Each structure stands twice: as C-alpha cells, then as structure tokens.
Amino acid sequence: MMCWVSFVALMAADADWQPQVDQCIAQGEFARAEKIMKSLPKKVRRADAVRIDSLQTIMQRIRKDFNMTPEQGAKLIREREPQATDEQISAWKKGKKIEYMVIDGQEWWFRKSVRNLWLLADEFQERTGQDDEASYKERLRYLREAMRTPADPQGVRDWRRVNATFTLDVDADAVPAGETLRVWMPFPYQNLRQRRIQLDGGNRPVVMSEGSKHHTVYMEAVAEKGKPTHFEYSFSYEVGERHIAQDDLLALVRPYKTDSELYRRFTASEPRHIIITDEMRALARQIVGNETNPVLQASMIYKWISRAYPWAGAREYSTLANIPQYVLDNGHGDCGQVGLLYITLVRSLGIPARWESGWVINPGDEGWHDWAETYFEGVGWVPTDPSFGRGTMDSPLENYYISGLDLYRMASNEGVGDRLSPPKTYIRSETVDFQPGEVEWRGGNLYYDHWHSHLTVQGITPVSHLIK
C-alpha cells in the first residue's frame, strides 16, 4: 500500500509530519518521503533541521545496508553453491533466509544476506555448526576452573585486573581542516562484577560522562589537512565471574514488591525497542504455559529464544523501528536483538529485566557484545546472556548463561538509546547501543566509513585479594 500524505495538512505550522515520513520509509518509498520533507514550510524545515537530517540519514543507511542487486546476490550464492537453482533462491527469500527490501520499486538485497544464508538455511546448518566447537570447549574449560574458586559475598569469583587501551582514528580530510572533531568512546562502570575502575591516561584532555546510561570518555581535537586524527586512552578495572545456580535462585526468590519504583520501572515499556503489547504478553504466556515461578519463567523464555532464533549478521539498529518485533518477523537476530526480545518478553510477564552491553575482552579477539540482567526479589540483579545460550543448548553449559556471566566482559552500557554526555547534536551512528564510539563535527555526524576504532586488552591478571 502506498504511503499517503495530505500536503494541505502538512502546511499547518503545528502539523506532525514525521509519522507520514516514517510510514513512507517503512514501505520503501524514499522518494516520496523526501518529497514530503522538501514540501514543508521553510520555518518548519528550519525548526526541525536536525530531525529532517536524521530521517534523511536513516534512508542513506538503509541504502548502504541494502546495496546488492538480486543478480549480484544469486551470483555470490552460486560461487559457493553452484547447484543452487532459481527455485531454491526464491524459496529462501520467501522463507526469510535471504533478506531484501523494495526501495522505490526496485528490489535490493541486504549486504549480509548471502553470508547469513549459510547461517540460516537448513541445508547449511551442519557445515556452520562445527565452527564454534573450539571456542565452546575453551569456554567450558574456563568456567569449570572459575567455579572452583571461592566467591565473595556478592557471589563473584575469580577476580582479574584488566589493562586495556581504546583507540579511535578519524580519516584524513573527513572534515575540513580547522574544524573541531567531537568524539565519544566507551568506558566501564561500577557494578557487582566490575570495580576499581580508573582512567590511566589519554593523548588529549578527557571529559567523563555524567548521568547517561552510556558510560563514555569524551575528547575533542582540531582536524589538520591531510592527516588522520588519533584519539587514545588507557584504563584498568577489576572484573569477576558471577553465576547463581537455578536451585539457589529457586530457594531464595520471593514475591515481587510490585509497588516499588524498581519493579514499576523495569517491567514497563521503554520506547523504542522495549514495547509491551498484548501480542507480546500472549506470546510470553504461550511460552511459559501454566508456570508461575519467575525463575522458571525467565529460564523458559531464555531457552525458547536460544533454540528458535539463530544468530545472523544484523542490519543497522538505527534503521529498525522495533527490534524485538524484527526478530519475530524475520526468524533470526544478533546478540542485542535477541537480548531486547528477552527483556521485552520477561517484562511482559511482570519480571524486571534490563540491558547491559559493551565488549567481550578475550585478548586478541575483542568484540562488541550485548546481554541482559534479570531481577529476582530476594536475590537482586542476575546476569543473563540469551545470545551465548544459543551455543550451549544440550551441553554442560546449557544453564550457565541463564543466570551467569563469565569475566571476559567490559560493560559500558546499562541501558539503550540514551543521550550521550556531553550531549551530541546530530543522530548517532548507533542510536540504540554504544560500543565503537561516536564522532561528529558542526556539519553533522560522521558515520563509521569515516573512522575506525579498536579496544586492545594488554593483560588480564588474577587479583589475589577480595573486598570483604
């Protein structure tokens, strides 16, 4: 159905024009969305300049994500699977194993769709399932070793000291010489599993974030002609492993204090991506059946997600209107997408849950990662990693990540979609999560193709003392 707009209505100064544009973008009618925004009165365009810039940027990002013609995609498939037929390719599209979008009447495939096909199509599952065996064995070895160490009063074991460096380099001439680059980069925060956090140095003056769910280091620098701009800082912190066995949770859990601020806050909707609808409540209830114990309900949701939704390379989060619904509609999700689905479903049952994310910090193999925390009365916040659950079903680790987290983490975000500190003017490259950093100048946001960043872990050493 074509998106429709009344230009007469939009001429009213108080008209909310964005829902019409959002509808057009969702339906792939980008030219019409642009026409709506260009037809706005001048005073509206001036007042809403940043909002218009953000919507235009979203369309640009969708085009970047969906940049492969069907002919190019079919050619890549046949390079790996020469016998693939047109009928098979059509079936994979119909079954949402190949993700595509029609933009202004032309079909475009998601840039990761061919790689994702080998993760999603039943024909290839046996081949790809072997890839994670070595990492699983290493994880199992570590966790068995960690579980033999004594826990502190909070149930945290195997404390280690992490020394790390974060770097971000903006390409030469990404902005005109003499312009100021504004840069935000991730930093760990204090929680039950992270402590004694300190900034050990940086190559520029640093401003630490205040009051944001995204914990950051902020720096500025003036761009020089023909030279990349380098940002760097070092930090250290202590991190531990925490796991609470399900039997212990069942013995400790108490009825929720439903009138508490914590309960109300973390069982409510949290736009844009944690939206509790009647459909979500019905799905959650269908998964848990007649079970009423929140510990067992949360476990059932976790296992259902882990079995039902395989990992696949994700679209840019900023281009998705409702991430949990996207997972349900498309049958797959990356770590953050299934994490948001888990949070939404357990909140739909009246179980408090919240987001946490940052980096996996295996030295030499550092990478972005997202997980969750679930609150049980009588216990407190318990870590939960639905994405890691996908690699541990039907194994000795099957129940570990339901209520545990290994120490190879650097948590820097305790929520999604918050304002950065200091405030950022333009739309973020990542509007939900925060891991690689953010960059802007007075002319707009700088997207990932103008800079690159990396976290390097120099060492993870045992801590011989515990805080009593």
Protein backbone atom coordinates (compact mmCIF):
# COMPACT_ATOMS: atom_id res chain seq x y z
CA MET A 1 0.00 0.00 0.00
CA MET A 2 1.40 3.37 -0.99
CA CYS A 3 2.10 5.81 1.83
CA TRP A 4 -0.26 8.74 1.58
CA VAL A 5 0.07 12.32 2.75
CA SER A 6 -2.11 15.40 2.74
CA PHE A 7 0.15 18.28 1.80
CA VAL A 8 -2.59 20.69 2.88
CA ALA A 9 -2.47 19.23 6.38
CA LEU A 10 1.31 19.45 6.44
CA MET A 11 1.20 23.14 5.67
CA ALA A 12 -0.24 23.76 9.12
CA ALA A 13 2.53 25.02 11.38
CA ASP A 14 1.61 22.63 14.18
CA ALA A 15 1.25 19.52 11.97
CA ASP A 16 3.28 16.49 12.99
CA TRP A 17 4.72 15.48 9.65
CA GLN A 18 7.08 12.74 10.84
CA PRO A 19 4.59 9.82 11.09
CA GLN A 20 3.90 10.20 7.35
CA VAL A 21 7.62 10.13 6.59
CA ASP A 22 8.18 7.16 8.89
CA GLN A 23 5.43 5.27 7.07
CA CYS A 24 6.94 6.02 3.67
CA ILE A 25 10.40 4.90 4.82
CA ALA A 26 8.99 1.66 6.26
CA GLN A 27 7.31 0.95 2.91
CA GLY A 28 10.46 1.72 0.91
CA GLU A 29 9.01 4.85 -0.67
CA PHE A 30 12.06 7.02 -0.13
CA ALA A 31 11.41 9.46 -2.98
CA ARG A 32 8.00 10.22 -1.52
CA ALA A 33 9.48 10.68 1.96
CA GLU A 34 11.97 13.19 0.53
CA LYS A 35 9.16 15.00 -1.28
CA ILE A 36 7.20 15.38 1.95
CA MET A 37 10.18 16.88 3.77
CA LYS A 38 11.08 19.21 0.91
CA SER A 39 7.46 20.43 0.80
CA LEU A 40 7.46 21.53 4.45
CA PRO A 41 7.25 25.29 5.09
CA LYS A 42 10.63 26.98 5.48
CA LYS A 43 10.07 27.79 9.14
CA VAL A 44 9.28 24.11 9.85
CA ARG A 45 12.38 22.97 7.97
CA ARG A 46 14.50 25.40 10.00
CA ALA A 47 12.96 24.38 13.32
CA ASP A 48 13.16 20.65 12.54
CA ALA A 49 16.50 20.68 10.69
CA VAL A 50 18.15 18.05 12.90
CA ARG A 51 15.08 15.78 12.76
CA ILE A 52 14.98 16.06 8.96
CA ASP A 53 18.71 15.38 8.78
CA SER A 54 18.20 12.27 10.94
CA LEU A 55 15.47 10.85 8.69
CA GLN A 56 17.50 11.50 5.57
CA THR A 57 20.42 9.78 7.27
CA ILE A 58 18.25 6.75 8.10
CA MET A 59 17.37 6.37 4.41
CA GLN A 60 21.05 6.65 3.47
CA ARG A 61 21.88 3.90 5.98
CA ILE A 62 19.14 1.63 4.66
CA ARG A 63 20.55 2.10 1.17
CA LYS A 64 24.01 1.19 2.49
CA ASP A 65 22.59 -1.95 4.09
CA PHE A 66 20.51 -2.92 1.06
CA ASN A 67 23.04 -2.39 -1.73
CA MET A 68 23.09 -5.73 -3.59
CA THR A 69 21.01 -6.47 -6.68
CA PRO A 70 19.26 -9.86 -6.89
CA GLU A 71 21.58 -10.75 -9.79
CA GLN A 72 24.68 -9.98 -7.72
CA GLY A 73 23.31 -11.97 -4.79
CA ALA A 74 22.47 -15.01 -6.91
CA LYS A 75 25.97 -14.93 -8.42
CA LEU A 76 27.57 -14.95 -4.95
CA ILE A 77 25.35 -17.82 -3.84
CA ARG A 78 26.33 -19.91 -6.86
CA GLU A 79 30.02 -19.24 -6.25
CA ARG A 80 29.61 -21.19 -3.01
CA GLU A 81 26.78 -23.50 -4.08
CA PRO A 82 26.97 -23.98 -7.87
CA GLN A 83 23.88 -26.20 -7.94
CA ALA A 84 21.57 -23.60 -6.36
CA THR A 85 18.51 -23.11 -8.55
CA ASP A 86 16.29 -20.10 -9.09
CA GLU A 87 13.53 -22.02 -7.31
CA GLN A 88 15.74 -22.55 -4.23
CA ILE A 89 16.68 -18.89 -4.15
CA SER A 90 13.02 -17.90 -4.37
CA ALA A 91 12.22 -20.30 -1.54
CA TRP A 92 15.00 -18.85 0.62
CA LYS A 93 13.60 -15.36 0.02
CA LYS A 94 10.07 -16.47 0.82
CA GLY A 95 11.30 -18.18 3.99
CA LYS A 96 13.21 -15.01 5.01
CA LYS A 97 16.59 -16.76 4.81
CA ILE A 98 17.53 -14.04 2.31
CA GLU A 99 16.60 -10.55 3.50
CA TYR A 100 15.62 -7.99 0.89
CA MET A 101 13.73 -4.72 0.56
CA VAL A 102 11.93 -2.97 -2.29
CA ILE A 103 13.06 0.67 -2.43
CA ASP A 104 11.25 2.98 -4.84
CA GLY A 105 10.07 -0.02 -6.85
CA GLN A 106 13.43 -1.82 -7.11
CA GLU A 107 14.43 -4.94 -5.16
CA TRP A 108 17.65 -4.77 -3.16
CA TRP A 109 19.25 -7.50 -1.03
CA PHE A 110 20.72 -6.91 2.41
CA ARG A 111 24.51 -6.69 2.09
CA LYS A 112 24.99 -9.57 4.58
CA SER A 113 22.22 -11.73 3.15
CA VAL A 114 24.41 -14.24 1.32
CA ARG A 115 26.69 -14.76 4.31
CA ASN A 116 23.62 -15.04 6.55
CA LEU A 117 22.11 -17.67 4.26
CA TRP A 118 24.75 -20.15 5.37
CA LEU A 119 23.76 -19.48 8.98
CA LEU A 120 20.00 -19.66 8.47
CA ALA A 121 19.13 -22.19 5.76
CA ASP A 122 18.62 -25.74 6.99
CA GLU A 123 20.70 -27.07 4.10
CA PHE A 124 23.87 -25.50 5.52
CA GLN A 125 23.38 -25.83 9.29
CA GLU A 126 25.60 -28.90 9.66
CA ARG A 127 28.55 -27.17 7.99
CA THR A 128 28.40 -23.97 10.06
CA GLY A 129 27.67 -25.67 13.39
CA GLN A 130 31.19 -27.07 13.56
CA ASP A 131 32.86 -23.65 13.62
CA ASP A 132 32.13 -22.88 17.29
CA GLU A 133 33.33 -26.18 18.78
CA ALA A 134 36.81 -24.94 19.74
CA SER A 135 35.55 -21.74 21.39
CA TYR A 136 32.89 -23.72 23.26
CA LYS A 137 35.50 -26.14 24.66
CA GLU A 138 37.67 -23.23 25.81
CA ARG A 139 34.69 -21.54 27.47
CA LEU A 140 33.73 -24.75 29.25
CA ARG A 141 37.30 -25.27 30.48
CA TYR A 142 37.46 -21.72 31.86
CA LEU A 143 34.07 -21.85 33.59
CA ARG A 144 34.78 -25.18 35.29
CA GLU A 145 38.03 -23.70 36.56
CA ALA A 146 36.36 -20.46 37.70
CA MET A 147 33.59 -22.27 39.55
CA ARG A 148 36.21 -23.94 41.76
CA THR A 149 37.41 -20.56 43.10
CA PRO A 150 35.80 -19.05 46.23
CA ALA A 151 33.11 -16.42 45.76
CA ASP A 152 32.91 -13.06 47.53
CA PRO A 153 29.75 -12.06 49.48
CA GLN A 154 28.08 -10.95 46.23
CA GLY A 155 28.71 -14.31 44.56
CA VAL A 156 31.52 -13.03 42.32
CA ARG A 157 34.51 -15.31 41.67
CA ASP A 158 37.89 -15.25 40.03
CA TRP A 159 38.55 -11.50 40.12
CA ARG A 160 41.03 -10.29 37.48
CA ARG A 161 42.69 -6.98 36.73
CA VAL A 162 42.21 -5.82 33.13
CA ASN A 163 44.55 -3.35 31.43
CA ALA A 164 43.28 -2.03 28.12
CA THR A 165 43.65 0.74 25.54
CA PHE A 166 40.96 2.19 23.30
CA THR A 167 41.86 4.00 20.08
CA LEU A 168 39.78 5.86 17.51
CA ASP A 169 41.19 7.27 14.27
CA VAL A 170 39.28 9.69 12.05
CA ASP A 171 40.29 9.57 8.39
CA ALA A 172 42.35 12.38 6.91
CA ASP A 173 40.16 15.13 5.45
CA ALA A 174 36.94 13.57 6.79
CA VAL A 175 36.13 17.16 7.82
CA PRO A 176 37.68 20.43 6.63
CA ALA A 177 40.96 21.44 8.24
CA GLY A 178 40.47 23.62 11.29
CA GLU A 179 37.14 22.06 12.24
CA THR A 180 36.69 20.54 15.70
CA LEU A 181 36.02 16.82 15.95
CA ARG A 182 33.89 15.70 18.90
CA VAL A 183 34.41 12.07 19.95
CA TRP A 184 32.72 9.78 22.50
CA MET A 185 34.29 6.41 23.40
CA PRO A 186 33.22 3.59 25.82
CA PHE A 187 34.35 3.27 29.43
CA PRO A 188 33.49 0.63 32.09
CA TYR A 189 31.23 1.43 35.02
CA GLN A 190 30.89 0.17 38.58
CA ASN A 191 28.56 -2.78 39.14
CA LEU A 192 28.61 -6.09 41.01
CA ARG A 193 31.09 -7.58 38.55
CA GLN A 194 33.24 -4.51 37.86
CA ARG A 195 35.14 -2.39 40.38
CA ARG A 196 38.27 -0.26 40.95
CA ILE A 197 37.90 1.43 37.59
CA GLN A 198 40.42 4.06 36.63
CA LEU A 199 41.48 6.11 33.65
CA ASP A 200 45.23 5.61 33.31
CA GLY A 201 45.96 8.19 30.64
CA GLY A 202 44.99 9.73 27.32
CA ASN A 203 46.51 11.64 24.44
CA ARG A 204 44.02 14.52 24.82
CA PRO A 205 42.03 16.19 27.63
CA VAL A 206 39.21 13.95 28.80
CA VAL A 207 35.64 14.63 29.97
CA MET A 208 33.91 11.70 31.70
CA SER A 209 30.19 11.18 31.13
CA GLU A 210 27.63 12.10 33.78
CA GLY A 211 24.06 10.85 34.11
CA SER A 212 23.94 8.77 30.93
CA LYS A 213 23.28 5.04 30.58
CA HIS A 214 26.21 5.07 28.13
CA HIS A 215 29.45 5.49 30.08
CA THR A 216 31.94 7.34 27.94
CA VAL A 217 35.20 9.21 27.59
CA TYR A 218 34.79 12.41 25.57
CA MET A 219 37.60 14.16 23.65
CA GLU A 220 37.94 16.93 21.10
CA ALA A 221 40.60 17.72 18.50
CA VAL A 222 41.07 20.12 15.60
CA ALA A 223 41.43 18.39 12.24
CA GLU A 224 44.61 19.01 10.23
CA LYS A 225 44.71 18.92 6.44
CA GLY A 226 45.92 15.60 5.01
CA LYS A 227 46.32 13.96 8.43
CA PRO A 228 44.20 11.41 10.29
CA THR A 229 43.17 12.44 13.80
CA HIS A 230 44.10 9.98 16.54
CA PHE A 231 42.34 9.57 19.90
CA GLU A 232 43.65 7.19 22.55
CA TYR A 233 43.24 6.42 26.23
CA SER A 234 44.22 3.61 28.60
CA PHE A 235 42.20 2.30 31.51
CA SER A 236 42.08 -0.54 34.01
CA TYR A 237 39.46 -2.22 36.14
CA GLU A 238 38.76 -5.41 38.05
CA VAL A 239 36.18 -7.86 36.73
CA GLY A 240 34.84 -11.15 38.03
CA GLU A 241 32.71 -14.12 37.06
CA ARG A 242 29.23 -14.38 38.59
CA HIS A 243 26.83 -17.29 38.42
CA ILE A 244 23.91 -18.27 40.64
CA ALA A 245 22.65 -21.82 40.16
CA GLN A 246 18.97 -22.21 39.40
CA ASP A 247 18.37 -24.32 42.52
CA ASP A 248 19.78 -21.48 44.63
CA LEU A 249 17.60 -18.94 42.85
CA LEU A 250 14.52 -21.07 43.43
CA ALA A 251 15.34 -21.30 47.14
CA LEU A 252 15.96 -17.56 47.51
CA VAL A 253 13.32 -15.95 45.28
CA ARG A 254 10.47 -14.08 46.95
CA PRO A 255 7.25 -12.45 45.67
CA TYR A 256 7.88 -9.15 43.90
CA LYS A 257 7.24 -5.86 45.65
CA THR A 258 5.08 -4.61 42.83
CA ASP A 259 4.68 -1.14 44.32
CA SER A 260 8.44 -0.45 44.28
CA GLU A 261 9.99 2.03 41.87
CA LEU A 262 12.41 -0.65 40.61
CA TYR A 263 9.58 -3.02 39.78
CA ARG A 264 7.48 -0.40 38.02
CA ARG A 265 10.42 0.90 36.00
CA PHE A 266 11.82 -2.41 34.79
CA THR A 267 8.50 -4.06 33.93
CA ALA A 268 7.28 -1.12 31.84
CA SER A 269 7.62 -0.34 28.14
CA GLU A 270 10.72 1.62 27.20
CA PRO A 271 10.39 3.04 23.68
CA ARG A 272 11.53 2.48 21.04
CA HIS A 273 12.62 -1.12 21.40
CA ILE A 274 11.06 -2.49 24.58
CA ILE A 275 7.34 -2.26 23.83
CA ILE A 276 4.96 -4.43 25.84
CA THR A 277 1.92 -5.15 23.69
CA ASP A 278 -0.97 -7.57 24.01
CA GLU A 279 0.75 -9.70 21.36
CA MET A 280 3.98 -9.83 23.36
CA ARG A 281 2.07 -10.75 26.53
CA ALA A 282 0.25 -13.51 24.67
CA LEU A 283 3.50 -14.89 23.22
CA ALA A 284 5.22 -14.85 26.61
CA ARG A 285 2.26 -16.60 28.21
CA GLN A 286 2.23 -19.19 25.43
CA ILE A 287 5.92 -19.95 26.05
CA VAL A 288 5.63 -20.42 29.82
CA GLY A 289 2.20 -22.07 29.89
CA ASN A 290 0.93 -22.53 33.44
CA GLU A 291 4.28 -21.89 35.10
CA THR A 292 4.11 -19.08 37.70
CA ASN A 293 7.59 -19.08 39.28
CA PRO A 294 9.55 -16.13 37.79
CA VAL A 295 12.87 -18.03 37.90
CA LEU A 296 11.44 -20.86 35.80
CA GLN A 297 9.50 -18.47 33.56
CA ALA A 298 12.65 -16.49 32.74
CA SER A 299 14.52 -19.75 32.06
CA MET A 300 11.79 -20.90 29.69
CA ILE A 301 11.88 -17.60 27.76
CA TYR A 302 15.70 -17.79 27.55
CA LYS A 303 15.69 -21.36 26.23
CA TRP A 304 12.89 -20.67 23.77
CA ILE A 305 14.82 -17.75 22.25
CA SER A 306 18.09 -19.69 22.22
CA ARG A 307 16.51 -22.55 20.27
CA ALA A 308 14.22 -20.56 17.98
CA TYR A 309 16.38 -17.66 16.74
CA PRO A 310 19.81 -18.37 15.23
CA TRP A 311 22.49 -15.73 15.06
CA ALA A 312 22.88 -13.75 11.83
CA GLY A 313 24.61 -10.54 10.82
CA ALA A 314 22.38 -7.60 11.71
CA ARG A 315 21.06 -4.55 9.97
CA GLU A 316 21.98 -1.19 11.43
CA TYR A 317 19.91 -0.83 14.62
CA SER A 318 19.13 2.81 13.82
CA THR A 319 17.08 1.71 10.80
CA LEU A 320 14.75 -0.61 12.75
CA ALA A 321 11.52 0.63 14.29
CA ASN A 322 11.08 -2.18 16.84
CA ILE A 323 13.96 -4.64 17.22
CA PRO A 324 12.16 -7.45 19.12
CA GLN A 325 9.37 -7.43 16.53
CA TYR A 326 12.03 -7.56 13.80
CA VAL A 327 13.42 -10.77 15.35
CA LEU A 328 9.95 -12.34 15.49
CA ASP A 329 9.17 -11.31 11.91
CA ASN A 330 12.49 -12.44 10.40
CA GLY A 331 13.38 -15.51 12.45
CA HIS A 332 16.89 -14.52 13.48
CA GLY A 333 18.82 -11.90 15.44
CA ASP A 334 22.25 -10.93 16.68
CA CYS A 335 23.16 -10.65 20.37
CA GLY A 336 21.50 -7.28 21.00
CA GLN A 337 18.38 -8.15 19.04
CA VAL A 338 17.65 -11.37 20.94
CA GLY A 339 18.62 -9.58 24.17
CA LEU A 340 15.93 -6.96 23.58
CA LEU A 341 13.43 -9.70 22.73
CA TYR A 342 14.26 -11.47 26.01
CA ILE A 343 13.86 -8.25 28.03
CA THR A 344 10.53 -7.46 26.36
CA LEU A 345 9.09 -10.94 26.87
CA VAL A 346 10.05 -11.31 30.53
CA ARG A 347 8.84 -7.79 31.29
CA SER A 348 5.55 -8.82 29.65
CA LEU A 349 5.27 -11.46 32.41
CA GLY A 350 5.97 -8.93 35.17
CA ILE A 351 9.63 -9.93 35.62
CA PRO A 352 12.02 -6.95 35.81
CA ALA A 353 14.83 -7.03 33.25
CA ARG A 354 17.31 -4.55 31.85
CA TRP A 355 20.02 -4.17 29.22
CA GLU A 356 23.78 -4.34 29.63
CA SER A 357 26.42 -4.29 26.92
CA GLY A 358 29.96 -3.44 25.99
CA TRP A 359 32.77 -5.67 24.82
CA VAL A 360 33.87 -9.27 25.05
CA ILE A 361 37.51 -8.92 26.09
CA ASN A 362 39.25 -12.16 25.13
CA PRO A 363 42.78 -10.81 24.42
CA GLY A 364 43.38 -10.71 20.69
CA ASP A 365 39.72 -11.42 19.94
CA GLU A 366 37.95 -8.41 21.44
CA GLY A 367 34.49 -7.65 20.08
CA TRP A 368 31.15 -5.95 20.71
CA HIS A 369 28.56 -7.83 22.72
CA ASP A 370 25.16 -7.29 24.36
CA TRP A 371 23.42 -9.20 27.15
CA ALA A 372 20.82 -8.61 29.88
CA GLU A 373 20.14 -8.74 33.60
CA THR A 374 17.06 -10.21 35.28
CA TYR A 375 15.82 -9.13 38.71
CA PHE A 376 14.54 -11.66 41.24
CA GLU A 377 13.16 -10.45 44.56
CA GLY A 378 15.27 -11.82 47.39
CA VAL A 379 18.32 -12.15 45.10
CA GLY A 380 18.81 -8.94 43.12
CA TRP A 381 20.06 -8.46 39.59
CA VAL A 382 21.32 -11.62 37.91
CA PRO A 383 23.26 -11.60 34.59
CA THR A 384 21.62 -13.30 31.59
CA ASP A 385 23.11 -13.82 28.12
CA PRO A 386 20.49 -15.20 25.67
CA SER A 387 22.89 -14.97 22.73
CA PHE A 388 25.57 -17.15 24.35
CA GLY A 389 22.79 -19.57 25.20
CA ARG A 390 22.48 -20.42 21.51
CA GLY A 391 25.86 -22.15 21.53
CA THR A 392 25.29 -24.07 24.74
CA MET A 393 21.91 -25.78 24.38
CA ASP A 394 22.04 -29.53 25.10
CA SER A 395 25.50 -29.19 26.65
CA PRO A 396 27.01 -28.99 30.15
CA LEU A 397 26.79 -25.19 29.83
CA GLU A 398 23.10 -25.15 28.95
CA ASN A 399 22.03 -23.47 32.19
CA TYR A 400 25.10 -21.35 32.87
CA TYR A 401 24.27 -18.18 30.93
CA ILE A 402 20.66 -18.17 32.10
CA SER A 403 21.92 -16.81 35.40
CA GLY A 404 25.63 -16.21 34.94
CA LEU A 405 28.31 -14.35 33.05
CA ASP A 406 31.99 -15.10 32.54
CA LEU A 407 34.59 -12.48 33.40
CA TYR A 408 35.63 -11.74 29.83
CA ARG A 409 33.41 -8.67 29.63
CA MET A 410 33.73 -4.91 29.72
CA ALA A 411 30.29 -3.47 30.49
CA SER A 412 29.91 0.18 29.49
CA ASN A 413 26.15 0.49 28.86
CA GLU A 414 23.36 -0.03 31.38
CA GLY A 415 20.54 0.85 29.01
CA VAL A 416 19.71 1.69 25.40
CA GLY A 417 19.10 4.81 23.37
CA ASP A 418 20.12 7.35 26.00
CA ARG A 419 21.55 10.82 25.37
CA LEU A 420 25.31 10.97 25.39
CA SER A 421 27.22 13.13 27.84
CA PRO A 422 28.19 15.79 26.85
CA PRO A 423 25.11 15.94 24.56
CA LYS A 424 25.51 15.04 20.89
CA THR A 425 23.80 17.31 18.37
CA TYR A 426 23.21 15.01 15.41
CA ILE A 427 21.83 11.49 15.09
CA ARG A 428 24.22 8.87 16.42
CA SER A 429 25.75 6.27 14.13
CA GLU A 430 24.36 3.72 16.60
CA THR A 431 21.11 5.00 18.10
CA VAL A 432 20.49 2.03 20.41
CA ASP A 433 23.77 0.62 21.67
CA PHE A 434 27.22 2.14 22.17
CA GLN A 435 30.48 0.25 21.60
CA PRO A 436 32.74 1.54 18.79
CA GLY A 437 32.25 5.19 19.68
CA GLU A 438 30.61 8.22 18.09
CA VAL A 439 32.07 11.13 16.10
CA GLU A 440 30.59 14.42 14.90
CA TRP A 441 31.56 17.94 13.90
CA ARG A 442 29.48 21.08 13.46
CA GLY A 443 28.49 19.93 9.96
CA GLY A 444 26.91 16.66 11.10
CA ASN A 445 27.52 13.12 12.31
CA LEU A 446 30.47 11.16 10.96
CA TYR A 447 29.43 7.61 10.09
CA TYR A 448 31.58 4.50 10.50
CA ASP A 449 33.03 4.76 6.99
CA HIS A 450 34.97 7.88 8.04
CA TRP A 451 36.72 6.42 11.10
CA HIS A 452 37.62 3.21 12.87
CA SER A 453 38.18 2.22 16.49
CA HIS A 454 39.54 -0.70 18.47
CA LEU A 455 39.79 -1.98 22.03
CA THR A 456 43.07 -3.75 22.82
CA VAL A 457 43.42 -5.76 26.02
CA GLN A 458 47.04 -5.80 27.17
CA GLY A 459 46.53 -8.14 30.09
CA ILE A 460 44.05 -9.93 32.37
CA THR A 461 45.80 -10.90 35.59
CA PRO A 462 44.47 -12.63 38.73
CA VAL A 463 43.64 -10.50 41.75
CA SER A 464 44.83 -12.13 44.97
CA HIS A 465 42.56 -10.16 47.31
CA LEU A 466 38.81 -9.89 47.73
CA ILE A 467 36.77 -6.99 49.08
CA LYS A 468 35.05 -8.24 52.20
